[in-house]
Amino acid sequence: MYDAAVLKRCTNCGESYPSTPEHFGQVRPGQVRPRCRNCERAKNREYDRNNDRSHRDAKRRKLESGLRVSIHDKR
C-alpha cells in the first residue's frame, strides 16, 4: 500500500520524507496528508494558542452533565 522508497515533499517546509503515515499521517487509508507531521503539530499548536476553547469546553461539559438553565437564571 505504501512505498517507503518513494519520497514526498512537505508542502509547508519543503523537506522530503518517505511517503508513509509515520511521516505524513493519513487522510484516508492509502492516502497521506500534504504536510509532514512536524508542520501539522506546529500548525495545531499555533491554532491552540490563538483560540481559547476553555469557555466553550466548560459550557459543553455542563450541558452534557444534565445542567439545565432556567429563564430566571438567565436574567
PDB file of N, CA and C in Angstrom:
ATOM      1  N   MET A   1       0.828  -1.188   0.000  1.00  0.00           N
ATOM      2  CA  MET A   1       0.000   0.000   0.000  1.00  0.00           C
ATOM      3  C   MET A   1       0.875   1.255   0.000  1.00  0.00           C
ATOM      4  N   TYR A   2       1.816   1.346   0.941  1.00  0.00           N
ATOM      5  CA  TYR A   2       2.727   2.487   0.990  1.00  0.00           C
ATOM      6  C   TYR A   2       4.102   2.026   0.547  1.00  0.00           C
ATOM      7  N   ASP A   3       4.778   2.865  -0.185  1.00  0.00           N
ATOM      8  CA  ASP A   3       6.121   2.541  -0.638  1.00  0.00           C
ATOM      9  C   ASP A   3       7.099   3.494   0.040  1.00  0.00           C
ATOM     10  N   ALA A   4       7.859   2.974   0.989  1.00  0.00           N
ATOM     11  CA  ALA A   4       8.789   3.813   1.748  1.00  0.00           C
ATOM     12  C   ALA A   4       9.929   4.322   0.879  1.00  0.00           C
ATOM     13  N   ALA A   5      10.135   3.708  -0.285  1.00  0.00           N
ATOM     14  CA  ALA A   5      11.204   4.155  -1.177  1.00  0.00           C
ATOM     15  C   ALA A   5      10.810   5.437  -1.911  1.00  0.00           C
ATOM     16  N   VAL A   6       9.516   5.714  -1.990  1.00  0.00           N
ATOM     17  CA  VAL A   6       9.040   6.917  -2.677  1.00  0.00           C
ATOM     18  C   VAL A   6       9.100   8.086  -1.695  1.00  0.00           C
ATOM     19  N   LEU A   7       9.787   9.157  -2.080  1.00  0.00           N
ATOM     20  CA  LEU A   7       9.887  10.333  -1.229  1.00  0.00           C
ATOM     21  C   LEU A   7       8.786  11.324  -1.597  1.00  0.00           C
ATOM     22  N   LYS A   8       8.271  11.988  -0.588  1.00  0.00           N
ATOM     23  CA  LYS A   8       7.251  13.012  -0.787  1.00  0.00           C
ATOM     24  C   LYS A   8       7.738  14.291  -0.120  1.00  0.00           C
ATOM     25  N   ARG A   9       7.493  15.422  -0.765  1.00  0.00           N
ATOM     26  CA  ARG A   9       7.929  16.713  -0.249  1.00  0.00           C
ATOM     27  C   ARG A   9       6.773  17.369   0.503  1.00  0.00           C
ATOM     28  N   CYS A  10       7.055  17.856   1.699  1.00  0.00           N
ATOM     29  CA  CYS A  10       6.070  18.567   2.510  1.00  0.00           C
ATOM     30  C   CYS A  10       5.737  19.887   1.811  1.00  0.00           C
ATOM     31  N   THR A  11       4.445  20.208   1.720  1.00  0.00           N
ATOM     32  CA  THR A  11       4.043  21.442   1.046  1.00  0.00           C
ATOM     33  C   THR A  11       4.347  22.677   1.875  1.00  0.00           C
ATOM     34  N   ASN A  12       4.603  22.507   3.166  1.00  0.00           N
ATOM     35  CA  ASN A  12       4.858  23.650   4.032  1.00  0.00           C
ATOM     36  C   ASN A  12       6.355  23.942   4.178  1.00  0.00           C
ATOM     37  N   CYS A  13       7.111  22.969   4.631  1.00  0.00           N
ATOM     38  CA  CYS A  13       8.539  23.201   4.896  1.00  0.00           C
ATOM     39  C   CYS A  13       9.434  22.811   3.734  1.00  0.00           C
ATOM     40  N   GLY A  14       8.954  21.983   2.830  1.00  0.00           N
ATOM     41  CA  GLY A  14       9.735  21.589   1.666  1.00  0.00           C
ATOM     42  C   GLY A  14      10.674  20.425   1.886  1.00  0.00           C
ATOM     43  N   GLU A  15      10.702  19.853   3.095  1.00  0.00           N
ATOM     44  CA  GLU A  15      11.550  18.695   3.375  1.00  0.00           C
ATOM     45  C   GLU A  15      10.969  17.457   2.697  1.00  0.00           C
ATOM     46  N   SER A  16      11.844  16.535   2.304  1.00  0.00           N
ATOM     47  CA  SER A  16      11.419  15.283   1.687  1.00  0.00           C
ATOM     48  C   SER A  16      11.503  14.157   2.706  1.00  0.00           C
ATOM     49  N   TYR A  17      10.436  13.371   2.785  1.00  0.00           N
ATOM     50  CA  TYR A  17      10.351  12.224   3.688  1.00  0.00           C
ATOM     51  C   TYR A  17       9.756  11.054   2.912  1.00  0.00           C
ATOM     52  N   PRO A  18       9.944   9.821   3.425  1.00  0.00           N
ATOM     53  CA  PRO A  18       9.261   8.695   2.796  1.00  0.00           C
ATOM     54  C   PRO A  18       7.741   8.893   2.861  1.00  0.00           C
ATOM     55  N   SER A  19       7.066   8.520   1.826  1.00  0.00           N
ATOM     56  CA  SER A  19       5.615   8.736   1.720  1.00  0.00           C
ATOM     57  C   SER A  19       4.869   7.669   2.519  1.00  0.00           C
ATOM     58  N   THR A  20       4.936   7.770   3.850  1.00  0.00           N
ATOM     59  CA  THR A  20       4.286   6.820   4.741  1.00  0.00           C
ATOM     60  C   THR A  20       3.510   7.589   5.810  1.00  0.00           C
ATOM     61  N   PRO A  21       2.519   6.938   6.443  1.00  0.00           N
ATOM     62  CA  PRO A  21       1.757   7.612   7.511  1.00  0.00           C
ATOM     63  C   PRO A  21       2.619   8.015   8.706  1.00  0.00           C
ATOM     64  N   GLU A  22       3.757   7.355   8.913  1.00  0.00           N
ATOM     65  CA  GLU A  22       4.635   7.718  10.024  1.00  0.00           C
ATOM     66  C   GLU A  22       5.195   9.123   9.856  1.00  0.00           C
ATOM     67  N   HIS A  23       5.353   9.576   8.629  1.00  0.00           N
ATOM     68  CA  HIS A  23       5.917  10.897   8.367  1.00  0.00           C
ATOM     69  C   HIS A  23       4.864  11.938   8.008  1.00  0.00           C
ATOM     70  N   PHE A  24       3.731  11.516   7.449  1.00  0.00           N
ATOM     71  CA  PHE A  24       2.732  12.473   6.986  1.00  0.00           C
ATOM     72  C   PHE A  24       1.355  12.304   7.615  1.00  0.00           C
ATOM     73  N   GLY A  25       1.070  11.191   8.247  1.00  0.00           N
ATOM     74  CA  GLY A  25      -0.267  10.943   8.772  1.00  0.00           C
ATOM     75  C   GLY A  25      -1.187  10.511   7.640  1.00  0.00           C
ATOM     76  N   GLN A  26      -2.380  10.081   7.986  1.00  0.00           N
ATOM     77  CA  GLN A  26      -3.316   9.587   6.983  1.00  0.00           C
ATOM     78  C   GLN A  26      -4.510  10.508   6.833  1.00  0.00           C
ATOM     79  N   VAL A  27      -4.970  10.672   5.599  1.00  0.00           N
ATOM     80  CA  VAL A  27      -6.235  11.335   5.333  1.00  0.00           C
ATOM     81  C   VAL A  27      -7.303  10.256   5.293  1.00  0.00           C
ATOM     82  N   ARG A  28      -7.092   9.274   4.451  1.00  0.00           N
ATOM     83  CA  ARG A  28      -7.902   8.064   4.346  1.00  0.00           C
ATOM     84  C   ARG A  28      -6.932   6.901   4.197  1.00  0.00           C
ATOM     85  N   PRO A  29      -7.375   5.693   4.422  1.00  0.00           N
ATOM     86  CA  PRO A  29      -6.451   4.575   4.208  1.00  0.00           C
ATOM     87  C   PRO A  29      -5.880   4.603   2.792  1.00  0.00           C
ATOM     88  N   GLY A  30      -4.572   4.582   2.702  1.00  0.00           N
ATOM     89  CA  GLY A  30      -3.904   4.607   1.415  1.00  0.00           C
ATOM     90  C   GLY A  30      -3.507   5.997   0.955  1.00  0.00           C
ATOM     91  N   GLN A  31      -3.916   7.042   1.659  1.00  0.00           N
ATOM     92  CA  GLN A  31      -3.571   8.414   1.283  1.00  0.00           C
ATOM     93  C   GLN A  31      -2.901   9.123   2.457  1.00  0.00           C
ATOM     94  N   VAL A  32      -1.895   9.917   2.159  1.00  0.00           N
ATOM     95  CA  VAL A  32      -1.197  10.663   3.205  1.00  0.00           C
ATOM     96  C   VAL A  32      -1.471  12.154   3.052  1.00  0.00           C
ATOM     97  N   ARG A  33      -1.276  12.888   4.135  1.00  0.00           N
ATOM     98  CA  ARG A  33      -1.517  14.336   4.138  1.00  0.00           C
ATOM     99  C   ARG A  33      -0.455  15.066   3.317  1.00  0.00           C
ATOM    100  N   PRO A  34      -0.739  16.302   2.908  1.00  0.00           N
ATOM    101  CA  PRO A  34       0.264  17.059   2.142  1.00  0.00           C
ATOM    102  C   PRO A  34       1.378  17.652   3.008  1.00  0.00           C
ATOM    103  N   ARG A  35       1.138  17.829   4.314  1.00  0.00           N
ATOM    104  CA  ARG A  35       2.148  18.396   5.221  1.00  0.00           C
ATOM    105  C   ARG A  35       2.704  17.298   6.124  1.00  0.00           C
ATOM    106  N   CYS A  36       3.978  17.428   6.478  1.00  0.00           N
ATOM    107  CA  CYS A  36       4.605  16.446   7.367  1.00  0.00           C
ATOM    108  C   CYS A  36       4.033  16.602   8.781  1.00  0.00           C
ATOM    109  N   ARG A  37       4.286  15.613   9.607  1.00  0.00           N
ATOM    110  CA  ARG A  37       3.752  15.630  10.972  1.00  0.00           C
ATOM    111  C   ARG A  37       4.287  16.806  11.785  1.00  0.00           C
ATOM    112  N   ASN A  38       5.547  17.179  11.579  1.00  0.00           N
ATOM    113  CA  ASN A  38       6.111  18.309  12.322  1.00  0.00           C
ATOM    114  C   ASN A  38       5.371  19.597  11.989  1.00  0.00           C
ATOM    115  N   CYS A  39       5.074  19.817  10.722  1.00  0.00           N
ATOM    116  CA  CYS A  39       4.347  21.034  10.322  1.00  0.00           C
ATOM    117  C   CYS A  39       2.907  20.996  10.831  1.00  0.00           C
ATOM    118  N   GLU A  40       2.288  19.821  10.835  1.00  0.00           N
ATOM    119  CA  GLU A  40       0.930  19.685  11.366  1.00  0.00           C
ATOM    120  C   GLU A  40       0.907  20.018  12.855  1.00  0.00           C
ATOM    121  N   ARG A  41       1.891  19.518  13.607  1.00  0.00           N
ATOM    122  CA  ARG A  41       1.968  19.812  15.041  1.00  0.00           C
ATOM    123  C   ARG A  41       2.132  21.309  15.290  1.00  0.00           C
ATOM    124  N   ALA A  42       3.017  21.939  14.516  1.00  0.00           N
ATOM    125  CA  ALA A  42       3.243  23.379  14.679  1.00  0.00           C
ATOM    126  C   ALA A  42       1.970  24.158  14.354  1.00  0.00           C
ATOM    127  N   LYS A  43       1.262  23.745  13.318  1.00  0.00           N
ATOM    128  CA  LYS A  43       0.005  24.403  12.935  1.00  0.00           C
ATOM    129  C   LYS A  43      -1.031  24.253  14.048  1.00  0.00           C
ATOM    130  N   ASN A  44      -1.134  23.068  14.625  1.00  0.00           N
ATOM    131  CA  ASN A  44      -2.099  22.827  15.701  1.00  0.00           C
ATOM    132  C   ASN A  44      -1.740  23.606  16.966  1.00  0.00           C
ATOM    133  N   ARG A  45      -0.443  23.694  17.301  1.00  0.00           N
ATOM    134  CA  ARG A  45      -0.023  24.478  18.467  1.00  0.00           C
ATOM    135  C   ARG A  45      -0.373  25.952  18.284  1.00  0.00           C
ATOM    136  N   GLU A  46      -0.140  26.473  17.082  1.00  0.00           N
ATOM    137  CA  GLU A  46      -0.450  27.872  16.800  1.00  0.00           C
ATOM    138  C   GLU A  46      -1.953  28.123  16.904  1.00  0.00           C
ATOM    139  N   TYR A  47      -2.743  27.196  16.388  1.00  0.00           N
ATOM    140  CA  TYR A  47      -4.196  27.330  16.470  1.00  0.00           C
ATOM    141  C   TYR A  47      -4.642  27.336  17.933  1.00  0.00           C
ATOM    142  N   ASP A  48      -4.096  26.414  18.724  1.00  0.00           N
ATOM    143  CA  ASP A  48      -4.474  26.341  20.141  1.00  0.00           C
ATOM    144  C   ASP A  48      -4.087  27.607  20.895  1.00  0.00           C
ATOM    145  N   ARG A  49      -2.953  28.208  20.551  1.00  0.00           N
ATOM    146  CA  ARG A  49      -2.540  29.447  21.195  1.00  0.00           C
ATOM    147  C   ARG A  49      -3.492  30.596  20.876  1.00  0.00           C
ATOM    148  N   ASN A  50      -3.980  30.634  19.652  1.00  0.00           N
ATOM    149  CA  ASN A  50      -4.814  31.747  19.207  1.00  0.00           C
ATOM    150  C   ASN A  50      -6.301  31.558  19.471  1.00  0.00           C
ATOM    151  N   ASN A  51      -6.733  30.355  19.818  1.00  0.00           N
ATOM    152  CA  ASN A  51      -8.150  30.076  20.005  1.00  0.00           C
ATOM    153  C   ASN A  51      -8.372  29.401  21.346  1.00  0.00           C
ATOM    154  N   ASP A  52      -8.770  30.186  22.314  1.00  0.00           N
ATOM    155  CA  ASP A  52      -9.015  29.665  23.659  1.00  0.00           C
ATOM    156  C   ASP A  52     -10.337  28.918  23.672  1.00  0.00           C
ATOM    157  N   ARG A  53     -10.303  27.662  24.006  1.00  0.00           N
ATOM    158  CA  ARG A  53     -11.513  26.846  23.994  1.00  0.00           C
ATOM    159  C   ARG A  53     -12.032  26.553  25.394  1.00  0.00           C
ATOM    160  N   SER A  54     -11.407  27.093  26.408  1.00  0.00           N
ATOM    161  CA  SER A  54     -11.760  26.715  27.770  1.00  0.00           C
ATOM    162  C   SER A  54     -13.211  27.059  28.094  1.00  0.00           C
ATOM    163  N   HIS A  55     -13.686  28.223  27.674  1.00  0.00           N
ATOM    164  CA  HIS A  55     -15.064  28.612  27.976  1.00  0.00           C
ATOM    165  C   HIS A  55     -16.052  27.706  27.241  1.00  0.00           C
ATOM    166  N   ARG A  56     -15.789  27.448  25.975  1.00  0.00           N
ATOM    167  CA  ARG A  56     -16.688  26.585  25.204  1.00  0.00           C
ATOM    168  C   ARG A  56     -16.694  25.171  25.768  1.00  0.00           C
ATOM    169  N   ASP A  57     -15.532  24.662  26.156  1.00  0.00           N
ATOM    170  CA  ASP A  57     -15.465  23.312  26.694  1.00  0.00           C
ATOM    171  C   ASP A  57     -16.200  23.215  28.028  1.00  0.00           C
ATOM    172  N   ALA A  58     -16.071  24.225  28.866  1.00  0.00           N
ATOM    173  CA  ALA A  58     -16.767  24.211  30.156  1.00  0.00           C
ATOM    174  C   ALA A  58     -18.277  24.231  29.936  1.00  0.00           C
ATOM    175  N   LYS A  59     -18.755  25.027  29.007  1.00  0.00           N
ATOM    176  CA  LYS A  59     -20.182  25.089  28.708  1.00  0.00           C
ATOM    177  C   LYS A  59     -20.678  23.734  28.188  1.00  0.00           C
ATOM    178  N   ARG A  60     -19.912  23.103  27.303  1.00  0.00           N
ATOM    179  CA  ARG A  60     -20.299  21.807  26.760  1.00  0.00           C
ATOM    180  C   ARG A  60     -20.355  20.755  27.859  1.00  0.00           C
ATOM    181  N   ARG A  61     -19.368  20.747  28.757  1.00  0.00           N
ATOM    182  CA  ARG A  61     -19.363  19.762  29.845  1.00  0.00           C
ATOM    183  C   ARG A  61     -20.570  19.952  30.758  1.00  0.00           C
ATOM    184  N   LYS A  62     -20.940  21.199  31.034  1.00  0.00           N
ATOM    185  CA  LYS A  62     -22.102  21.454  31.884  1.00  0.00           C
ATOM    186  C   LYS A  62     -23.369  20.942  31.217  1.00  0.00           C
ATOM    187  N   LEU A  63     -23.520  21.202  29.924  1.00  0.00           N
ATOM    188  CA  LEU A  63     -24.713  20.747  29.217  1.00  0.00           C
ATOM    189  C   LEU A  63     -24.765  19.230  29.137  1.00  0.00           C
ATOM    190  N   GLU A  64     -23.623  18.582  28.943  1.00  0.00           N
ATOM    191  CA  GLU A  64     -23.588  17.124  28.888  1.00  0.00           C
ATOM    192  C   GLU A  64     -23.888  16.497  30.238  1.00  0.00           C
ATOM    193  N   SER A  65     -23.588  17.190  31.321  1.00  0.00           N
ATOM    194  CA  SER A  65     -23.822  16.626  32.645  1.00  0.00           C
ATOM    195  C   SER A  65     -25.288  16.729  33.061  1.00  0.00           C
ATOM    196  N   GLY A  66     -26.101  17.388  32.256  1.00  0.00           N
ATOM    197  CA  GLY A  66     -27.518  17.464  32.548  1.00  0.00           C
ATOM    198  C   GLY A  66     -27.958  18.771  33.160  1.00  0.00           C
ATOM    199  N   LEU A  67     -27.077  19.733  33.280  1.00  0.00           N
ATOM    200  CA  LEU A  67     -27.436  21.022  33.852  1.00  0.00           C
ATOM    201  C   LEU A  67     -28.373  21.756  32.891  1.00  0.00           C
ATOM    202  N   ARG A  68     -29.491  22.213  33.405  1.00  0.00           N
ATOM    203  CA  ARG A  68     -30.430  22.984  32.599  1.00  0.00           C
ATOM    204  C   ARG A  68     -30.566  24.359  33.234  1.00  0.00           C
ATOM    205  N   VAL A  69     -30.488  25.392  32.428  1.00  0.00           N
ATOM    206  CA  VAL A  69     -30.545  26.754  32.911  1.00  0.00           C
ATOM    207  C   VAL A  69     -31.975  27.268  32.700  1.00  0.00           C
ATOM    208  N   SER A  70     -32.564  27.787  33.797  1.00  0.00           N
ATOM    209  CA  SER A  70     -33.918  28.304  33.700  1.00  0.00           C
ATOM    210  C   SER A  70     -33.896  29.753  33.192  1.00  0.00           C
ATOM    211  N   ILE A  71     -35.057  30.273  32.838  1.00  0.00           N
ATOM    212  CA  ILE A  71     -35.172  31.654  32.389  1.00  0.00           C
ATOM    213  C   ILE A  71     -34.755  32.594  33.511  1.00  0.00           C
ATOM    214  N   HIS A  72     -35.105  32.255  34.761  1.00  0.00           N
ATOM    215  CA  HIS A  72     -34.738  33.073  35.906  1.00  0.00           C
ATOM    216  C   HIS A  72     -33.229  33.198  36.024  1.00  0.00           C
ATOM    217  N   ASP A  73     -32.505  32.068  35.829  1.00  0.00           N
ATOM    218  CA  ASP A  73     -31.051  32.092  35.918  1.00  0.00           C
ATOM    219  C   ASP A  73     -30.424  32.921  34.789  1.00  0.00           C
ATOM    220  N   LYS A  74     -31.041  32.900  33.622  1.00  0.00           N
ATOM    221  CA  LYS A  74     -30.510  33.657  32.503  1.00  0.00           C
ATOM    222  C   LYS A  74     -30.599  35.164  32.750  1.00  0.00           C
ATOM    223  N   ARG A  75     -31.629  35.595  33.438  1.00  0.00           N
ATOM    224  CA  ARG A  75     -31.807  37.012  33.744  1.00  0.00           C
ATOM    225  C   ARG A  75     -30.793  37.422  34.762  1.00  0.00           C
TER     226      ARG A  75
END
